[in-house]
Amino acid sequence: MTPMKRLRCWVGLLAALLAPAALPGTIDLGKLKRLRPIVDAIYRMDYPGAEALSRRLIQESPDDPAGYVFLARTYWARELNRQHALSMDRFAAPDFFQESKDYKYKLTVDPAAEQAFDAVTAQAIGKAKALMKANPHAGGFLLGLAYSNQATFDASLTGSWWSAFRTGQKAVHLHRQVRASNPDLADPLLAIGTYDYVAASVPWTVRWLGLLIGAGLGSKERGKQQIETAASKAVLVAEDADVLLSLIYTRERDYGRAYAKVTALGQRYPQNYLLQLDRAGLARRMGQPELAVQILSGILRKIETGEDGYLRLERAVVHNRLGLTFRSARDLRTAETWFRRVLADQGASPQPRIVAHLELGKTLDLANRRGEAMAHYRAVAESENVHGSRQEAERLLKTAYREETVPASSPGPPR
């Protein structure tokens, strides 16, 4: 027997030994549906409302892990959306699943938010483990959700892929058991499918470790099919599945499918301006800058009127997106105008200003104004690191920006 065949046999044996058995009993769908108002509040970006609903559930049923699970979910969703950490543009970047010695994707998480998340997640895990003794299927499902919260937090906010991989494996192991007991419940397929997709996407150093502990190499296609089933049939995680699919399709440059997912979610939750920003970004990637400008202009109008709670969104963020859209259409002069508008805005917060400096530098490079571009790159290199902005600026100080894929058409002026 060759060494490779021997390795495969050992891995197959180990995987068989670790294969989950079905948990006894079934899950009460009625009890799951009572959590829907919390999910809807999160997607409306009504985080105070979601927190209040979760705390009320904890007060009414202090031994039920559900309230703790969704309170933790509210905390990480608020922090994730505050930083727009899983934007379409970021997930589509080729280095998203990488950890290099020069730069590891990691955000500056609010310490208070991280502490609150960790504390409530620990409570959720403890309560779910206790529930498993009396009700293995319900406890196992909620424990899996708690682990999924932790894995998402680790991957998207701290950039710790190996930590997320290990925690995600715990969630998948539990949700496979739940799925075996409850074949009509589609919610477990989100964790299972996500794990399959990520396991096939992470660097080989992580994939081999996963293989050696019986996790398998994963499959992107199988993962997407499982997540699609969750998106169409799940009780609590259908929206999460749609968001994840939109990110996956964006990464795979299937922008039409991603746009359809985000548009449908945006129609369901018009208060969620992040979905509208991503719609505009996808329209730009599809080579439809006119549509992108139309969406962004609509966002600006809502900010002006306060409709759907858009006052929470900073104008500078939208102005930067307009700059990117016009630059993608080769209208460098208009793009420059939008980026300079952000820099002239005394009320703009530091992060949009850093982005404006970086993108204005790129725009000036494309206009063969290298000296001016370098001044903006230096400003970024000396500022807070926003999603790797400092490393990108340092690289652009050495090599002029010339990598731009642009559509042939140009949008008209925003109305």
Protein backbone atom coordinates (compact mmCIF):
# COMPACT_ATOMS: atom_id res chain seq x y z
CA MET A 1 0.00 0.00 0.00
CA THR A 2 1.41 3.37 -0.99
CA PRO A 3 1.86 6.11 1.66
CA MET A 4 -0.94 8.14 0.08
CA LYS A 5 -3.37 5.19 0.15
CA ARG A 6 -2.38 4.47 3.74
CA LEU A 7 -3.06 8.10 4.66
CA ARG A 8 -6.46 7.97 2.97
CA CYS A 9 -7.37 4.81 4.85
CA TRP A 10 -6.42 6.36 8.19
CA VAL A 11 -8.33 9.53 7.37
CA GLY A 12 -11.37 7.52 6.28
CA LEU A 13 -11.29 5.47 9.46
CA LEU A 14 -10.92 8.56 11.62
CA ALA A 15 -13.75 10.32 9.79
CA ALA A 16 -15.98 7.27 10.28
CA LEU A 17 -15.20 7.20 13.99
CA LEU A 18 -16.05 10.90 14.27
CA ALA A 19 -19.25 10.64 12.19
CA PRO A 20 -22.15 12.05 14.22
CA ALA A 21 -25.04 9.90 15.34
CA ALA A 22 -28.56 11.27 15.25
CA LEU A 23 -29.81 12.97 18.39
CA PRO A 24 -33.06 11.62 19.80
CA GLY A 25 -36.31 13.46 19.33
CA THR A 26 -37.39 16.37 17.15
CA ILE A 27 -37.36 20.16 17.39
CA ASP A 28 -40.51 22.14 18.10
CA LEU A 29 -40.84 24.49 15.11
CA GLY A 30 -43.31 26.64 17.02
CA LYS A 31 -40.64 27.47 19.58
CA LEU A 32 -38.20 28.36 16.81
CA LYS A 33 -40.68 30.69 15.11
CA ARG A 34 -41.05 32.74 18.30
CA LEU A 35 -37.48 33.90 17.67
CA ARG A 36 -38.34 35.38 14.27
CA PRO A 37 -39.03 38.91 15.64
CA ILE A 38 -35.43 39.06 16.88
CA VAL A 39 -34.09 38.03 13.47
CA ASP A 40 -36.27 40.61 11.74
CA ALA A 41 -35.13 43.35 14.14
CA ILE A 42 -31.48 42.51 13.42
CA TYR A 43 -32.04 42.74 9.66
CA ARG A 44 -33.90 46.02 10.09
CA MET A 45 -30.74 47.19 11.91
CA ASP A 46 -32.91 47.79 14.97
CA TYR A 47 -30.26 46.53 17.36
CA PRO A 48 -31.80 48.10 20.48
CA GLY A 49 -35.06 46.35 19.61
CA ALA A 50 -33.32 43.01 19.02
CA GLU A 51 -31.43 43.37 22.29
CA ALA A 52 -34.63 44.19 24.19
CA LEU A 53 -36.43 41.15 22.73
CA SER A 54 -33.50 38.88 23.59
CA ARG A 55 -33.28 40.19 27.14
CA ARG A 56 -37.03 39.76 27.60
CA LEU A 57 -36.67 36.13 26.53
CA ILE A 58 -33.84 35.66 29.04
CA GLN A 59 -35.92 37.23 31.79
CA GLU A 60 -38.91 35.01 31.01
CA SER A 61 -36.85 31.80 30.57
CA PRO A 62 -33.42 32.23 32.23
CA ASP A 63 -32.46 28.59 31.58
CA ASP A 64 -33.34 28.73 27.89
CA PRO A 65 -30.16 29.31 25.82
CA ALA A 66 -32.12 30.91 22.94
CA GLY A 67 -32.18 34.39 24.49
CA TYR A 68 -28.45 34.30 25.13
CA VAL A 69 -27.69 32.96 21.64
CA PHE A 70 -29.60 35.78 19.96
CA LEU A 71 -28.31 38.45 22.32
CA ALA A 72 -24.77 37.44 21.32
CA ARG A 73 -25.89 37.42 17.69
CA THR A 74 -27.19 40.97 18.11
CA TYR A 75 -23.85 42.11 19.54
CA TRP A 76 -21.74 40.71 16.70
CA ALA A 77 -24.20 41.84 14.02
CA ARG A 78 -24.08 45.39 15.36
CA GLU A 79 -20.26 45.37 15.37
CA LEU A 80 -20.04 43.64 11.99
CA ASN A 81 -22.35 46.15 10.37
CA ARG A 82 -20.73 49.10 12.13
CA GLN A 83 -17.52 48.26 10.30
CA HIS A 84 -19.18 46.83 7.17
CA ALA A 85 -16.71 44.01 7.62
CA LEU A 86 -18.34 41.61 5.15
CA SER A 87 -18.90 44.02 2.29
CA MET A 88 -19.07 42.51 -1.18
CA ASP A 89 -15.84 44.23 -2.20
CA ARG A 90 -13.94 42.86 0.79
CA PHE A 91 -15.17 39.27 0.39
CA ALA A 92 -14.36 39.32 -3.32
CA ALA A 93 -10.72 40.18 -2.61
CA PRO A 94 -8.40 37.25 -3.44
CA ASP A 95 -6.66 37.45 -0.04
CA PHE A 96 -9.85 37.19 2.04
CA PHE A 97 -9.08 33.62 3.19
CA GLN A 98 -5.35 34.29 3.60
CA GLU A 99 -3.16 35.14 6.58
CA SER A 100 0.22 36.44 5.43
CA LYS A 101 3.20 37.47 7.52
CA ASP A 102 2.78 41.05 6.27
CA TYR A 103 -0.92 41.49 6.88
CA LYS A 104 -3.65 39.54 8.60
CA TYR A 105 -7.20 40.71 7.97
CA LYS A 106 -8.24 41.96 11.39
CA LEU A 107 -10.45 44.82 12.43
CA THR A 108 -10.18 47.00 15.50
CA VAL A 109 -13.14 45.65 17.42
CA ASP A 110 -14.69 47.80 20.12
CA PRO A 111 -13.33 46.20 23.35
CA ALA A 112 -16.64 46.68 25.13
CA ALA A 113 -18.51 44.96 22.28
CA GLU A 114 -16.05 42.07 22.24
CA GLN A 115 -16.27 41.66 26.02
CA ALA A 116 -20.08 41.69 25.94
CA PHE A 117 -20.13 39.18 23.09
CA ASP A 118 -17.70 36.83 24.83
CA ALA A 119 -19.61 36.96 28.12
CA VAL A 120 -23.03 36.27 26.59
CA THR A 121 -21.64 33.57 24.28
CA ALA A 122 -20.15 31.78 27.28
CA GLN A 123 -23.59 31.89 28.93
CA ALA A 124 -25.25 30.64 25.73
CA ILE A 125 -22.85 27.69 25.49
CA GLY A 126 -23.25 26.81 29.16
CA LYS A 127 -27.06 26.97 29.03
CA ALA A 128 -27.18 24.95 25.79
CA LYS A 129 -24.95 22.20 27.21
CA ALA A 130 -27.21 22.00 30.24
CA LEU A 131 -30.30 21.81 28.01
CA MET A 132 -28.76 18.95 26.02
CA LYS A 133 -29.05 16.70 29.07
CA ALA A 134 -32.83 17.08 29.11
CA ASN A 135 -33.49 17.83 25.43
CA PRO A 136 -30.53 16.75 23.24
CA HIS A 137 -31.96 17.87 19.89
CA ALA A 138 -33.03 21.40 20.98
CA GLY A 139 -29.91 21.86 23.10
CA GLY A 140 -27.68 20.62 20.32
CA PHE A 141 -29.26 22.97 17.78
CA LEU A 142 -28.88 26.03 20.02
CA LEU A 143 -25.35 25.02 21.03
CA GLY A 144 -24.51 24.80 17.34
CA LEU A 145 -25.90 28.30 16.80
CA ALA A 146 -23.78 29.59 19.68
CA TYR A 147 -20.67 28.04 18.14
CA SER A 148 -21.64 29.48 14.76
CA ASN A 149 -21.85 32.93 16.34
CA GLN A 150 -18.36 32.47 17.75
CA ALA A 151 -16.95 31.20 14.46
CA THR A 152 -18.45 34.12 12.52
CA PHE A 153 -17.10 36.60 15.05
CA ASP A 154 -13.61 35.06 14.89
CA ALA A 155 -13.52 34.92 11.09
CA SER A 156 -15.11 38.24 10.16
CA LEU A 157 -14.01 40.51 12.99
CA THR A 158 -10.73 39.10 14.33
CA GLY A 159 -9.47 37.41 11.15
CA SER A 160 -8.60 34.22 13.04
CA TRP A 161 -9.40 31.59 10.42
CA TRP A 162 -8.01 28.60 12.28
CA SER A 163 -9.94 29.50 15.44
CA ALA A 164 -13.09 29.97 13.36
CA PHE A 165 -12.43 26.67 11.57
CA ARG A 166 -12.17 24.72 14.84
CA THR A 167 -15.23 26.38 16.38
CA GLY A 168 -17.18 25.94 13.17
CA GLN A 169 -16.36 22.25 13.23
CA LYS A 170 -18.11 21.96 16.61
CA ALA A 171 -21.20 23.68 15.20
CA VAL A 172 -21.21 21.42 12.13
CA HIS A 173 -20.82 18.25 14.21
CA LEU A 174 -23.86 19.22 16.30
CA HIS A 175 -25.96 20.40 13.37
CA ARG A 176 -25.29 17.22 11.43
CA GLN A 177 -26.73 15.33 14.39
CA VAL A 178 -29.72 17.67 14.51
CA ARG A 179 -30.27 17.32 10.77
CA ALA A 180 -30.21 13.52 11.08
CA SER A 181 -32.93 13.73 13.75
CA ASN A 182 -34.93 16.45 11.99
CA PRO A 183 -34.63 15.93 8.23
CA ASP A 184 -37.33 18.53 7.52
CA LEU A 185 -35.47 21.28 9.42
CA ALA A 186 -33.29 23.17 6.94
CA ASP A 187 -31.62 25.53 9.43
CA PRO A 188 -28.68 23.18 10.22
CA LEU A 189 -27.71 23.18 6.55
CA LEU A 190 -26.36 26.73 6.84
CA ALA A 191 -23.55 25.71 9.20
CA ILE A 192 -22.95 22.46 7.31
CA GLY A 193 -22.84 24.16 3.92
CA THR A 194 -20.73 27.07 5.14
CA TYR A 195 -18.20 24.66 6.59
CA ASP A 196 -18.06 22.72 3.33
CA TYR A 197 -17.49 25.90 1.32
CA VAL A 198 -14.90 27.42 3.66
CA ALA A 199 -13.05 24.11 4.07
CA ALA A 200 -12.57 24.08 0.31
CA SER A 201 -11.48 27.74 0.26
CA VAL A 202 -8.98 28.20 3.08
CA PRO A 203 -5.22 27.75 2.51
CA TRP A 204 -3.90 24.20 2.25
CA THR A 205 -2.14 24.49 5.62
CA VAL A 206 -5.57 24.72 7.25
CA ARG A 207 -7.21 22.22 4.91
CA TRP A 208 -4.65 19.50 5.68
CA LEU A 209 -5.09 20.03 9.41
CA GLY A 210 -8.83 19.73 8.92
CA LEU A 211 -8.33 16.57 6.88
CA LEU A 212 -6.13 14.95 9.53
CA ILE A 213 -8.76 15.47 12.25
CA GLY A 214 -11.48 13.96 10.07
CA ALA A 215 -13.11 17.16 8.85
CA GLY A 216 -12.61 16.46 5.15
CA LEU A 217 -11.51 18.80 2.39
CA GLY A 218 -14.92 20.32 1.82
CA SER A 219 -16.72 21.03 -1.43
CA LYS A 220 -17.71 24.45 -2.74
CA GLU A 221 -20.53 23.11 -4.90
CA ARG A 222 -22.00 20.92 -2.19
CA GLY A 223 -21.68 23.79 0.27
CA LYS A 224 -23.56 26.18 -2.03
CA GLN A 225 -26.35 23.66 -2.60
CA GLN A 226 -26.81 23.20 1.14
CA ILE A 227 -26.84 26.94 1.77
CA GLU A 228 -29.38 27.45 -1.04
CA THR A 229 -31.67 24.92 0.67
CA ALA A 230 -31.30 26.82 3.94
CA ALA A 231 -32.08 30.09 2.14
CA SER A 232 -35.35 28.73 0.77
CA LYS A 233 -36.57 26.59 3.69
CA ALA A 234 -34.94 27.60 6.98
CA VAL A 235 -37.01 29.00 9.86
CA LEU A 236 -34.40 31.29 11.46
CA VAL A 237 -31.38 31.50 9.17
CA ALA A 238 -32.87 31.98 5.69
CA GLU A 239 -31.70 35.61 5.56
CA ASP A 240 -28.24 34.66 6.79
CA ALA A 241 -28.05 32.06 4.03
CA ASP A 242 -29.06 34.63 1.38
CA VAL A 243 -26.42 37.07 2.62
CA LEU A 244 -23.76 34.38 2.59
CA LEU A 245 -24.74 33.27 -0.91
CA SER A 246 -24.54 36.85 -2.15
CA LEU A 247 -21.01 37.05 -0.75
CA ILE A 248 -20.05 33.71 -2.29
CA TYR A 249 -21.48 34.62 -5.70
CA THR A 250 -19.65 37.94 -5.55
CA ARG A 251 -16.39 36.18 -4.83
CA GLU A 252 -17.03 33.86 -7.76
CA ARG A 253 -17.88 36.85 -10.00
CA ASP A 254 -21.42 35.63 -10.49
CA TYR A 255 -22.64 39.18 -9.93
CA GLY A 256 -26.11 38.69 -11.36
CA ARG A 257 -27.03 36.06 -8.78
CA ALA A 258 -25.48 38.09 -5.99
CA TYR A 259 -27.42 41.18 -7.07
CA ALA A 260 -30.69 39.23 -7.12
CA LYS A 261 -30.11 37.97 -3.56
CA VAL A 262 -29.24 41.40 -2.18
CA THR A 263 -32.10 43.10 -4.02
CA ALA A 264 -34.67 40.66 -2.62
CA LEU A 265 -33.33 41.16 0.91
CA GLY A 266 -33.34 44.93 0.43
CA GLN A 267 -36.99 44.85 -0.56
CA ARG A 268 -37.81 42.85 2.57
CA TYR A 269 -35.76 45.12 4.83
CA PRO A 270 -35.70 48.65 3.35
CA GLN A 271 -34.22 50.01 6.61
CA ASN A 272 -30.98 48.09 5.98
CA TYR A 273 -28.87 50.61 4.07
CA LEU A 274 -25.89 48.24 3.96
CA LEU A 275 -27.86 46.05 1.55
CA GLN A 276 -28.42 49.09 -0.67
CA LEU A 277 -24.73 49.97 -0.62
CA ASP A 278 -23.92 46.43 -1.69
CA ARG A 279 -26.56 46.60 -4.44
CA ALA A 280 -24.74 49.63 -5.83
CA GLY A 281 -21.38 47.89 -5.58
CA LEU A 282 -22.71 44.87 -7.45
CA ALA A 283 -24.25 47.06 -10.15
CA ARG A 284 -20.82 48.64 -10.62
CA ARG A 285 -19.19 45.22 -10.85
CA MET A 286 -21.80 44.14 -13.41
CA GLY A 287 -20.72 47.05 -15.62
CA GLN A 288 -23.90 49.05 -14.97
CA PRO A 289 -22.62 52.33 -13.49
CA GLU A 290 -25.87 54.14 -14.31
CA LEU A 291 -27.77 51.73 -12.07
CA ALA A 292 -25.14 52.10 -9.34
CA VAL A 293 -25.45 55.91 -9.43
CA GLN A 294 -29.24 55.64 -9.33
CA ILE A 295 -29.08 53.46 -6.20
CA LEU A 296 -26.50 55.67 -4.48
CA SER A 297 -28.44 58.82 -5.32
CA GLY A 298 -31.53 57.23 -3.78
CA ILE A 299 -29.54 56.52 -0.62
CA LEU A 300 -28.46 60.16 -0.43
CA ARG A 301 -32.08 61.29 -0.75
CA LYS A 302 -33.06 59.02 2.14
CA ILE A 303 -30.24 60.44 4.26
CA GLU A 304 -31.55 63.95 3.54
CA THR A 305 -35.14 63.06 4.47
CA GLY A 306 -34.32 60.61 7.25
CA GLU A 307 -36.50 57.99 5.57
CA ASP A 308 -36.12 54.40 6.86
CA GLY A 309 -33.62 55.53 9.49
CA TYR A 310 -30.93 56.43 6.94
CA LEU A 311 -29.74 59.34 9.07
CA ARG A 312 -27.45 56.79 10.72
CA LEU A 313 -25.49 56.45 7.48
CA GLU A 314 -22.69 58.93 6.86
CA ARG A 315 -22.87 60.86 3.60
CA ALA A 316 -19.12 60.49 3.18
CA VAL A 317 -19.52 56.72 2.79
CA VAL A 318 -21.93 57.23 -0.11
CA HIS A 319 -19.75 59.93 -1.66
CA ASN A 320 -16.81 57.51 -1.72
CA ARG A 321 -18.98 54.91 -3.45
CA LEU A 322 -19.98 57.47 -6.06
CA GLY A 323 -16.31 58.22 -6.64
CA LEU A 324 -15.59 54.54 -7.18
CA THR A 325 -18.51 54.23 -9.57
CA PHE A 326 -17.48 57.16 -11.76
CA ARG A 327 -13.87 55.99 -11.77
CA SER A 328 -14.96 52.53 -12.92
CA ALA A 329 -16.66 54.30 -15.85
CA ARG A 330 -13.45 56.20 -16.72
CA ASP A 331 -14.93 59.52 -15.63
CA LEU A 332 -11.89 60.45 -13.55
CA ARG A 333 -12.78 64.11 -13.19
CA THR A 334 -16.16 63.39 -11.59
CA ALA A 335 -14.63 60.63 -9.45
CA GLU A 336 -12.03 63.11 -8.17
CA THR A 337 -14.80 65.58 -7.31
CA TRP A 338 -16.59 63.05 -5.10
CA PHE A 339 -13.44 61.98 -3.24
CA ARG A 340 -12.46 65.62 -2.65
CA ARG A 341 -15.95 66.29 -1.32
CA VAL A 342 -15.28 63.73 1.43
CA LEU A 343 -11.93 65.33 2.30
CA ALA A 344 -13.55 68.77 2.43
CA ASP A 345 -16.31 67.51 4.72
CA GLN A 346 -15.35 68.65 8.24
CA GLY A 347 -17.91 66.28 9.72
CA ALA A 348 -16.60 63.17 7.97
CA SER A 349 -15.25 60.51 10.32
CA PRO A 350 -11.65 59.22 10.00
CA GLN A 351 -12.36 55.97 8.14
CA PRO A 352 -14.18 57.48 5.13
CA ARG A 353 -11.50 60.16 4.94
CA ILE A 354 -8.75 57.52 4.80
CA VAL A 355 -10.65 55.67 2.08
CA ALA A 356 -11.07 58.95 0.16
CA HIS A 357 -7.33 59.67 0.34
CA LEU A 358 -6.51 56.17 -0.91
CA GLU A 359 -9.05 56.14 -3.74
CA LEU A 360 -8.24 59.71 -4.77
CA GLY A 361 -4.60 58.68 -5.00
CA LYS A 362 -5.55 55.83 -7.32
CA THR A 363 -7.69 58.15 -9.41
CA LEU A 364 -4.83 60.64 -9.77
CA ASP A 365 -2.47 57.82 -10.70
CA LEU A 366 -4.82 56.82 -13.50
CA ALA A 367 -4.82 60.45 -14.64
CA ASN A 368 -0.98 60.40 -14.77
CA ARG A 369 -0.69 62.82 -11.82
CA ARG A 370 1.77 60.69 -9.89
CA GLY A 371 3.16 63.41 -7.64
CA GLU A 372 -0.28 64.36 -6.33
CA ALA A 373 -1.23 60.70 -5.92
CA MET A 374 1.80 59.98 -3.73
CA ALA A 375 0.84 62.77 -1.33
CA HIS A 376 -2.46 61.02 -0.69
CA TYR A 377 -0.79 57.61 -0.31
CA ARG A 378 1.56 59.09 2.29
CA ALA A 379 -1.44 60.44 4.20
CA VAL A 380 -2.93 56.95 4.26
CA ALA A 381 0.36 55.30 5.28
CA GLU A 382 0.51 57.61 8.30
CA SER A 383 -3.13 57.03 9.32
CA GLU A 384 -5.21 54.32 10.98
CA ASN A 385 -5.15 51.00 9.15
CA VAL A 386 -8.60 50.57 7.58
CA HIS A 387 -9.04 47.06 6.15
CA GLY A 388 -5.39 46.95 5.05
CA SER A 389 -5.29 50.53 3.72
CA ARG A 390 -1.83 51.19 5.13
CA GLN A 391 -0.27 48.18 3.39
CA GLU A 392 -1.96 49.12 0.12
CA ALA A 393 -0.74 52.71 0.37
CA GLU A 394 2.83 51.59 1.04
CA ARG A 395 2.68 49.35 -2.02
CA LEU A 396 1.27 52.16 -4.18
CA LEU A 397 4.04 54.49 -3.06
CA LYS A 398 6.38 52.11 -4.86
CA THR A 399 4.25 51.22 -7.86
CA ALA A 400 1.66 53.44 -9.55
CA TYR A 401 -1.93 52.21 -9.61
CA ARG A 402 -2.78 50.91 -13.07
CA GLU A 403 -5.02 47.92 -12.43
CA GLU A 404 -8.52 49.05 -13.26
CA THR A 405 -11.23 47.05 -15.01
CA VAL A 406 -13.79 49.46 -16.36
CA PRO A 407 -17.02 49.19 -18.37
CA ALA A 408 -17.37 51.06 -21.61
CA SER A 409 -20.33 53.21 -20.62
CA SER A 410 -20.31 56.24 -18.37
CA PRO A 411 -23.08 57.22 -15.93
CA GLY A 412 -24.79 60.55 -16.12
CA PRO A 413 -24.58 63.02 -13.26
CA PRO A 414 -26.34 61.93 -10.05
CA ARG A 415 -29.73 63.47 -9.46
